[in-house]
């Protein structure tokens, strides 16, 4: 008789939920990394614009061009602040996904431990049954020899 875990379907379901949580975490981490890279690009562009403005200020510069640079820098500051907020929000989403994955893993591990316990009980019962059969055969053989 083979071992059959009575809650195998529950274990399978919890395993699939864990895999879905892993995929969600991976997707959200990728998105967070994309947001971080965009933030870094914006900061680099701002630095380049600042360097260009400083270089142009060394020579003669029209007031309208200076105003254009200042407006551009202010716009970039707003965009950088918005992207930083997006990165922070996505970081919270990633943390939530990480906690969900940890909970799903814990649920699956509970089922794994239950399966292991059931298997150990199955093995113990099987050994007990085999021992009983062996004892009965020995008694029958002993009885035949005495007759």
N, C-alpha and C. Protein backbone atom coordinates (compact mmCIF):
# COMPACT_ATOMS: atom_id res chain seq x y z
N UNK A 1 0.85 -1.17 0.00
CA UNK A 1 0.00 0.00 0.00
C UNK A 1 0.90 1.24 0.00
N UNK A 2 0.64 2.15 -0.92
CA UNK A 2 1.46 3.36 -1.07
C UNK A 2 0.92 4.50 -0.20
N UNK A 3 1.81 5.37 0.18
CA UNK A 3 1.43 6.52 0.99
C UNK A 3 0.67 7.52 0.14
N UNK A 4 -0.45 7.98 0.67
CA UNK A 4 -1.25 9.00 -0.01
C UNK A 4 -1.60 10.06 1.03
N UNK A 5 -1.09 11.28 0.80
CA UNK A 5 -1.35 12.38 1.73
C UNK A 5 -2.78 12.85 1.53
N UNK A 6 -3.54 12.87 2.61
CA UNK A 6 -4.97 13.17 2.52
C UNK A 6 -5.24 14.63 2.18
N UNK A 7 -4.27 15.52 2.40
CA UNK A 7 -4.46 16.94 2.10
C UNK A 7 -3.55 17.39 0.95
N UNK A 8 -3.27 16.49 0.03
CA UNK A 8 -2.37 16.80 -1.08
C UNK A 8 -2.92 17.95 -1.93
N UNK A 9 -4.22 18.00 -2.13
CA UNK A 9 -4.80 19.07 -2.94
C UNK A 9 -4.61 20.43 -2.25
N UNK A 10 -4.70 20.46 -0.93
CA UNK A 10 -4.47 21.71 -0.19
C UNK A 10 -3.00 22.11 -0.32
N UNK A 11 -2.10 21.15 -0.20
CA UNK A 11 -0.68 21.42 -0.35
C UNK A 11 -0.38 21.96 -1.76
N UNK A 12 -0.97 21.35 -2.75
CA UNK A 12 -0.78 21.80 -4.13
C UNK A 12 -1.30 23.23 -4.30
N UNK A 13 -2.46 23.52 -3.73
CA UNK A 13 -3.05 24.85 -3.83
C UNK A 13 -2.15 25.88 -3.15
N UNK A 14 -1.65 25.56 -1.97
CA UNK A 14 -0.78 26.50 -1.24
C UNK A 14 0.54 26.70 -1.97
N UNK A 15 1.03 25.65 -2.61
CA UNK A 15 2.26 25.77 -3.39
C UNK A 15 2.04 26.69 -4.59
N UNK A 16 0.89 26.56 -5.23
CA UNK A 16 0.62 27.43 -6.38
C UNK A 16 0.44 28.88 -5.93
N UNK A 17 -0.17 29.10 -4.75
CA UNK A 17 -0.29 30.47 -4.23
C UNK A 17 1.09 31.05 -3.93
N UNK A 18 1.98 30.22 -3.41
CA UNK A 18 3.34 30.68 -3.14
C UNK A 18 4.05 31.06 -4.44
N UNK A 19 3.89 30.25 -5.47
CA UNK A 19 4.52 30.56 -6.76
C UNK A 19 3.97 31.86 -7.34
N UNK A 20 2.66 32.07 -7.22
CA UNK A 20 2.07 33.33 -7.70
C UNK A 20 2.62 34.51 -6.91
N UNK A 21 2.81 34.35 -5.63
CA UNK A 21 3.37 35.43 -4.81
C UNK A 21 4.81 35.72 -5.21
N UNK A 22 5.56 34.66 -5.55
CA UNK A 22 6.94 34.85 -6.01
C UNK A 22 6.96 35.62 -7.33
N UNK A 23 6.06 35.27 -8.23
CA UNK A 23 5.99 35.98 -9.51
C UNK A 23 5.61 37.45 -9.30
N UNK A 24 4.66 37.70 -8.42
CA UNK A 24 4.23 39.07 -8.14
C UNK A 24 5.39 39.87 -7.54
N UNK A 25 6.11 39.28 -6.62
CA UNK A 25 7.26 39.96 -6.02
C UNK A 25 8.30 40.27 -7.08
N UNK A 26 8.59 39.31 -7.93
CA UNK A 26 9.57 39.51 -8.99
C UNK A 26 9.15 40.65 -9.91
N UNK A 27 7.90 40.66 -10.30
CA UNK A 27 7.37 41.70 -11.19
C UNK A 27 7.48 43.08 -10.52
N UNK A 28 7.11 43.17 -9.27
CA UNK A 28 7.16 44.45 -8.55
C UNK A 28 8.60 44.90 -8.33
N UNK A 29 9.51 43.97 -8.09
CA UNK A 29 10.92 44.33 -7.92
C UNK A 29 11.50 44.86 -9.24
N UNK A 30 11.12 44.24 -10.36
CA UNK A 30 11.56 44.71 -11.66
C UNK A 30 11.06 46.14 -11.90
N UNK A 31 9.80 46.38 -11.57
CA UNK A 31 9.21 47.70 -11.74
C UNK A 31 9.93 48.71 -10.85
N UNK A 32 10.23 48.33 -9.62
CA UNK A 32 10.97 49.22 -8.72
C UNK A 32 12.33 49.56 -9.30
N UNK A 33 13.01 48.57 -9.84
CA UNK A 33 14.32 48.82 -10.44
C UNK A 33 14.20 49.77 -11.64
N UNK A 34 13.17 49.60 -12.45
CA UNK A 34 12.95 50.52 -13.58
C UNK A 34 12.72 51.94 -13.08
N UNK A 35 11.93 52.09 -12.02
CA UNK A 35 11.68 53.42 -11.45
C UNK A 35 12.96 54.03 -10.90
N UNK A 36 13.77 53.22 -10.26
CA UNK A 36 15.04 53.72 -9.72
C UNK A 36 15.98 54.17 -10.84
N UNK A 37 16.02 53.39 -11.92
CA UNK A 37 16.88 53.76 -13.06
C UNK A 37 16.40 55.06 -13.69
N UNK A 38 15.09 55.23 -13.81
CA UNK A 38 14.54 56.48 -14.37
C UNK A 38 14.88 57.65 -13.46
N UNK A 39 14.77 57.46 -12.15
CA UNK A 39 15.14 58.51 -11.21
C UNK A 39 16.61 58.87 -11.37
N UNK A 40 17.46 57.87 -11.50
CA UNK A 40 18.89 58.14 -11.69
C UNK A 40 19.15 58.89 -12.99
N UNK A 41 18.45 58.50 -14.07
CA UNK A 41 18.61 59.22 -15.34
C UNK A 41 18.18 60.68 -15.21
N UNK A 42 17.07 60.91 -14.52
CA UNK A 42 16.61 62.28 -14.31
C UNK A 42 17.63 63.09 -13.51
N UNK A 43 18.18 62.49 -12.48
CA UNK A 43 19.19 63.19 -11.68
C UNK A 43 20.45 63.47 -12.51
N UNK A 44 20.84 62.51 -13.34
CA UNK A 44 22.00 62.71 -14.21
C UNK A 44 21.74 63.83 -15.22
N UNK A 45 20.52 63.84 -15.80
CA UNK A 45 20.17 64.90 -16.75
C UNK A 45 20.18 66.27 -16.07
N UNK A 46 19.70 66.32 -14.84
CA UNK A 46 19.70 67.57 -14.09
C UNK A 46 21.13 68.03 -13.85
N UNK A 47 22.00 67.09 -13.47
CA UNK A 47 23.40 67.43 -13.25
C UNK A 47 24.04 67.95 -14.53
N UNK A 48 23.73 67.30 -15.65
CA UNK A 48 24.28 67.73 -16.94
C UNK A 48 23.78 69.13 -17.29
N UNK A 49 22.50 69.39 -17.03
CA UNK A 49 21.93 70.70 -17.32
C UNK A 49 22.57 71.76 -16.42
N UNK A 50 22.80 71.42 -15.17
CA UNK A 50 23.46 72.35 -14.25
C UNK A 50 24.88 72.66 -14.72
N UNK A 51 25.60 71.63 -15.14
CA UNK A 51 26.96 71.82 -15.63
C UNK A 51 26.96 72.68 -16.88
N UNK A 52 26.01 72.45 -17.78
CA UNK A 52 25.90 73.24 -19.00
C UNK A 52 25.59 74.70 -18.65
N UNK A 53 24.70 74.92 -17.69
CA UNK A 53 24.37 76.28 -17.27
C UNK A 53 25.60 76.98 -16.68
N UNK A 54 26.33 76.28 -15.85
CA UNK A 54 27.53 76.87 -15.25
C UNK A 54 28.55 77.23 -16.32
N UNK A 55 28.67 76.38 -17.31
CA UNK A 55 29.62 76.64 -18.40
C UNK A 55 29.17 77.85 -19.21
N UNK A 56 27.90 77.96 -19.49
CA UNK A 56 27.38 79.09 -20.26
C UNK A 56 27.46 80.40 -19.47
N UNK A 57 27.35 80.29 -18.15
CA UNK A 57 27.42 81.50 -17.32
C UNK A 57 28.82 82.11 -17.34
N UNK A 58 29.82 81.35 -17.72
CA UNK A 58 31.19 81.87 -17.80
C UNK A 58 31.32 82.94 -18.86
N UNK A 59 30.55 82.80 -19.91
CA UNK A 59 30.59 83.79 -20.99
C UNK A 59 29.35 84.66 -20.94
N UNK A 60 29.12 85.34 -22.03
CA UNK A 60 27.92 86.19 -22.11
C UNK A 60 26.71 85.29 -22.34
N UNK A 61 25.64 85.58 -21.58
CA UNK A 61 24.44 84.74 -21.67
C UNK A 61 23.22 85.65 -21.63
N UNK A 62 22.33 85.43 -22.55
CA UNK A 62 21.11 86.24 -22.60
C UNK A 62 20.22 85.89 -21.42
N UNK A 63 19.49 86.87 -20.93
CA UNK A 63 18.60 86.67 -19.78
C UNK A 63 17.50 85.68 -20.11
N UNK A 64 17.02 85.70 -21.35
CA UNK A 64 15.95 84.77 -21.73
C UNK A 64 16.46 83.33 -21.71
N UNK A 65 17.71 83.12 -22.12
CA UNK A 65 18.28 81.78 -22.09
C UNK A 65 18.48 81.31 -20.65
N UNK A 66 18.93 82.24 -19.80
CA UNK A 66 19.09 81.92 -18.39
C UNK A 66 17.74 81.54 -17.77
N UNK A 67 16.70 82.31 -18.08
CA UNK A 67 15.35 82.02 -17.57
C UNK A 67 14.88 80.66 -18.07
N UNK A 68 15.20 80.33 -19.30
CA UNK A 68 14.83 79.03 -19.86
C UNK A 68 15.51 77.89 -19.09
N UNK A 69 16.79 78.06 -18.78
CA UNK A 69 17.51 77.06 -18.00
C UNK A 69 16.90 76.91 -16.60
N UNK A 70 16.60 78.04 -15.96
CA UNK A 70 16.03 78.01 -14.62
C UNK A 70 14.68 77.29 -14.64
N UNK A 71 13.84 77.60 -15.60
CA UNK A 71 12.54 76.93 -15.73
C UNK A 71 12.73 75.43 -15.97
N UNK A 72 13.69 75.11 -16.83
CA UNK A 72 13.96 73.70 -17.10
C UNK A 72 14.43 72.98 -15.85
N UNK A 73 15.29 73.60 -15.08
CA UNK A 73 15.78 72.99 -13.85
C UNK A 73 14.66 72.84 -12.83
N UNK A 74 13.79 73.84 -12.72
CA UNK A 74 12.65 73.72 -11.80
C UNK A 74 11.72 72.58 -12.22
N UNK A 75 11.48 72.48 -13.51
CA UNK A 75 10.65 71.38 -14.02
C UNK A 75 11.28 70.03 -13.73
N UNK A 76 12.59 69.95 -13.89
CA UNK A 76 13.28 68.69 -13.61
C UNK A 76 13.23 68.37 -12.12
N UNK A 77 13.33 69.40 -11.27
CA UNK A 77 13.22 69.18 -9.82
C UNK A 77 11.86 68.59 -9.47
N UNK A 78 10.81 69.13 -10.06
CA UNK A 78 9.46 68.59 -9.82
C UNK A 78 9.35 67.15 -10.31
N UNK A 79 9.91 66.90 -11.48
CA UNK A 79 9.86 65.55 -12.03
C UNK A 79 10.66 64.58 -11.16
N UNK A 80 11.81 65.01 -10.67
CA UNK A 80 12.64 64.18 -9.80
C UNK A 80 11.90 63.90 -8.49
N UNK A 81 11.25 64.93 -7.94
CA UNK A 81 10.50 64.73 -6.69
C UNK A 81 9.35 63.74 -6.91
N UNK A 82 8.65 63.90 -8.04
CA UNK A 82 7.56 62.96 -8.35
C UNK A 82 8.07 61.54 -8.53
N UNK A 83 9.20 61.40 -9.20
CA UNK A 83 9.77 60.07 -9.41
C UNK A 83 10.26 59.48 -8.09
N UNK A 84 10.80 60.32 -7.22
CA UNK A 84 11.24 59.83 -5.90
C UNK A 84 10.04 59.32 -5.11
N UNK A 85 8.91 60.02 -5.21
CA UNK A 85 7.69 59.55 -4.54
C UNK A 85 7.23 58.22 -5.14
N UNK A 86 7.34 58.10 -6.46
CA UNK A 86 6.96 56.85 -7.13
C UNK A 86 7.85 55.70 -6.66
N UNK A 87 9.15 55.97 -6.54
CA UNK A 87 10.09 54.94 -6.07
C UNK A 87 9.74 54.53 -4.64
N UNK A 88 9.44 55.50 -3.79
CA UNK A 88 9.09 55.19 -2.40
C UNK A 88 7.80 54.36 -2.35
N UNK A 89 6.81 54.75 -3.14
CA UNK A 89 5.55 54.00 -3.18
C UNK A 89 5.75 52.58 -3.67
N UNK A 90 6.56 52.44 -4.71
CA UNK A 90 6.83 51.10 -5.24
C UNK A 90 7.62 50.28 -4.24
N UNK A 91 8.48 50.93 -3.47
CA UNK A 91 9.21 50.22 -2.41
C UNK A 91 8.26 49.63 -1.38
N UNK A 92 7.20 50.38 -1.06
CA UNK A 92 6.19 49.86 -0.12
C UNK A 92 5.44 48.68 -0.74
N UNK A 93 5.15 48.78 -2.04
CA UNK A 93 4.46 47.68 -2.72
C UNK A 93 5.33 46.43 -2.70
N UNK A 94 6.63 46.60 -2.96
CA UNK A 94 7.56 45.46 -2.94
C UNK A 94 7.60 44.85 -1.55
N UNK A 95 7.63 45.68 -0.52
CA UNK A 95 7.66 45.17 0.85
C UNK A 95 6.38 44.40 1.17
N UNK A 96 5.24 44.91 0.72
CA UNK A 96 3.97 44.20 0.92
C UNK A 96 4.00 42.84 0.22
N UNK A 97 4.53 42.82 -1.00
CA UNK A 97 4.63 41.55 -1.74
C UNK A 97 5.58 40.59 -1.02
N UNK A 98 6.65 41.11 -0.46
CA UNK A 98 7.60 40.27 0.26
C UNK A 98 6.95 39.65 1.49
N UNK A 99 6.16 40.45 2.20
CA UNK A 99 5.45 39.93 3.37
C UNK A 99 4.41 38.90 2.97
N UNK A 100 3.72 39.14 1.87
CA UNK A 100 2.73 38.17 1.37
C UNK A 100 3.42 36.85 1.00
N UNK A 101 4.56 36.95 0.35
CA UNK A 101 5.31 35.74 -0.01
C UNK A 101 5.75 34.98 1.23
N UNK A 102 6.22 35.71 2.24
CA UNK A 102 6.64 35.05 3.48
C UNK A 102 5.47 34.32 4.13
N UNK A 103 4.30 34.95 4.10
CA UNK A 103 3.10 34.31 4.68
C UNK A 103 2.73 33.07 3.88
N UNK A 104 2.79 33.17 2.56
CA UNK A 104 2.46 32.01 1.71
C UNK A 104 3.45 30.87 1.92
N UNK A 105 4.72 31.21 2.07
CA UNK A 105 5.74 30.18 2.31
C UNK A 105 5.50 29.51 3.65
N UNK A 106 5.13 30.28 4.64
CA UNK A 106 4.86 29.71 5.96
C UNK A 106 3.66 28.77 5.89
N UNK A 107 2.61 29.16 5.16
CA UNK A 107 1.43 28.30 5.00
C UNK A 107 1.81 26.97 4.34
N UNK A 108 2.66 27.05 3.30
CA UNK A 108 3.06 25.83 2.61
C UNK A 108 3.93 24.96 3.52
N UNK A 109 4.80 25.58 4.28
CA UNK A 109 5.68 24.81 5.17
C UNK A 109 4.88 24.09 6.25
N UNK A 110 3.79 24.69 6.70
CA UNK A 110 2.92 24.02 7.67
C UNK A 110 2.38 22.73 7.05
N UNK A 111 1.93 22.83 5.81
CA UNK A 111 1.40 21.65 5.12
C UNK A 111 2.51 20.62 4.88
N UNK A 112 3.71 21.08 4.54
CA UNK A 112 4.83 20.14 4.36
C UNK A 112 5.13 19.38 5.64
N UNK A 113 5.13 20.11 6.77
CA UNK A 113 5.39 19.44 8.05
C UNK A 113 4.28 18.43 8.37
N UNK A 114 3.05 18.79 8.07
CA UNK A 114 1.94 17.86 8.29
C UNK A 114 2.08 16.63 7.41
N UNK A 115 2.51 16.83 6.18
CA UNK A 115 2.72 15.70 5.27
C UNK A 115 3.83 14.79 5.81
N UNK A 116 4.91 15.38 6.29
CA UNK A 116 6.00 14.58 6.86
C UNK A 116 5.53 13.81 8.08
N UNK A 117 4.74 14.44 8.91
CA UNK A 117 4.22 13.77 10.11
C UNK A 117 3.32 12.60 9.70
N UNK A 118 2.42 12.84 8.73
CA UNK A 118 1.56 11.76 8.25
C UNK A 118 2.39 10.62 7.65
N UNK A 119 3.46 10.97 6.95
CA UNK A 119 4.30 9.93 6.36
C UNK A 119 4.99 9.10 7.44
N UNK A 120 5.49 9.77 8.47
CA UNK A 120 6.12 9.02 9.56
C UNK A 120 5.11 8.09 10.23
N UNK A 121 3.88 8.56 10.43
CA UNK A 121 2.83 7.71 11.00
C UNK A 121 2.53 6.53 10.08
N UNK A 122 2.48 6.78 8.78
CA UNK A 122 2.23 5.73 7.81
C UNK A 122 3.32 4.66 7.88
N UNK A 123 4.58 5.11 7.95
CA UNK A 123 5.70 4.18 8.03
C UNK A 123 5.61 3.37 9.32
N UNK A 124 5.31 4.04 10.43
CA UNK A 124 5.21 3.34 11.72
C UNK A 124 4.08 2.31 11.68
N UNK A 125 2.94 2.66 11.12
CA UNK A 125 1.82 1.72 11.02
C UNK A 125 2.15 0.56 10.11
N UNK A 126 2.84 0.85 9.01
CA UNK A 126 3.24 -0.21 8.08
C UNK A 126 4.20 -1.19 8.75
N UNK A 127 5.16 -0.65 9.47
CA UNK A 127 6.10 -1.53 10.18
C UNK A 127 5.39 -2.35 11.25
N UNK A 128 4.45 -1.73 11.94
CA UNK A 128 3.69 -2.44 12.97
C UNK A 128 2.87 -3.57 12.34
N UNK A 129 2.23 -3.28 11.21
CA UNK A 129 1.43 -4.28 10.52
C UNK A 129 2.31 -5.43 10.03
N UNK A 130 3.48 -5.09 9.47
CA UNK A 130 4.40 -6.13 9.00
C UNK A 130 4.91 -6.99 10.16
N UNK A 131 5.19 -6.34 11.28
CA UNK A 131 5.65 -7.08 12.46
C UNK A 131 4.56 -8.03 12.94
N UNK A 132 3.32 -7.55 12.94
CA UNK A 132 2.20 -8.39 13.37
C UNK A 132 2.05 -9.59 12.46
N UNK A 133 2.15 -9.38 11.14
CA UNK A 133 2.05 -10.48 10.19
C UNK A 133 3.20 -11.47 10.40
N UNK A 134 4.38 -10.94 10.63
CA UNK A 134 5.54 -11.80 10.85
C UNK A 134 5.35 -12.63 12.12
N UNK A 135 4.83 -12.00 13.16
CA UNK A 135 4.58 -12.72 14.42
C UNK A 135 3.53 -13.80 14.22
N UNK A 136 2.47 -13.49 13.48
CA UNK A 136 1.42 -14.49 13.23
C UNK A 136 1.97 -15.66 12.45
N UNK A 137 2.82 -15.39 11.45
CA UNK A 137 3.41 -16.49 10.68
C UNK A 137 4.32 -17.35 11.57
N UNK A 138 5.04 -16.70 12.43
CA UNK A 138 5.93 -17.46 13.32
C UNK A 138 5.11 -18.34 14.26
N UNK A 139 3.99 -17.80 14.76
CA UNK A 139 3.13 -18.58 15.65
C UNK A 139 2.54 -19.76 14.90
N UNK A 140 2.08 -19.53 13.67
CA UNK A 140 1.51 -20.61 12.87
C UNK A 140 2.55 -21.68 12.58
N UNK A 141 3.77 -21.29 12.25
CA UNK A 141 4.83 -22.26 11.98
C UNK A 141 5.16 -23.06 13.25
N UNK A 142 5.23 -22.35 14.35
CA UNK A 142 5.54 -23.03 15.61
C UNK A 142 4.42 -24.02 15.95
N UNK A 143 3.16 -23.61 15.71
CA UNK A 143 2.04 -24.50 16.00
C UNK A 143 2.05 -25.73 15.12
N UNK A 144 2.45 -25.62 13.87
CA UNK A 144 2.49 -26.75 12.95
C UNK A 144 3.57 -27.75 13.38
N UNK A 145 4.66 -27.23 13.87
CA UNK A 145 5.76 -28.11 14.27
C UNK A 145 5.43 -28.90 15.53
N UNK A 146 4.53 -28.47 16.33
CA UNK A 146 4.19 -29.14 17.58
C UNK A 146 3.12 -30.22 17.36
N UNK A 147 2.46 -30.17 16.27
CA UNK A 147 1.42 -31.17 16.05
C UNK A 147 1.96 -32.42 15.54
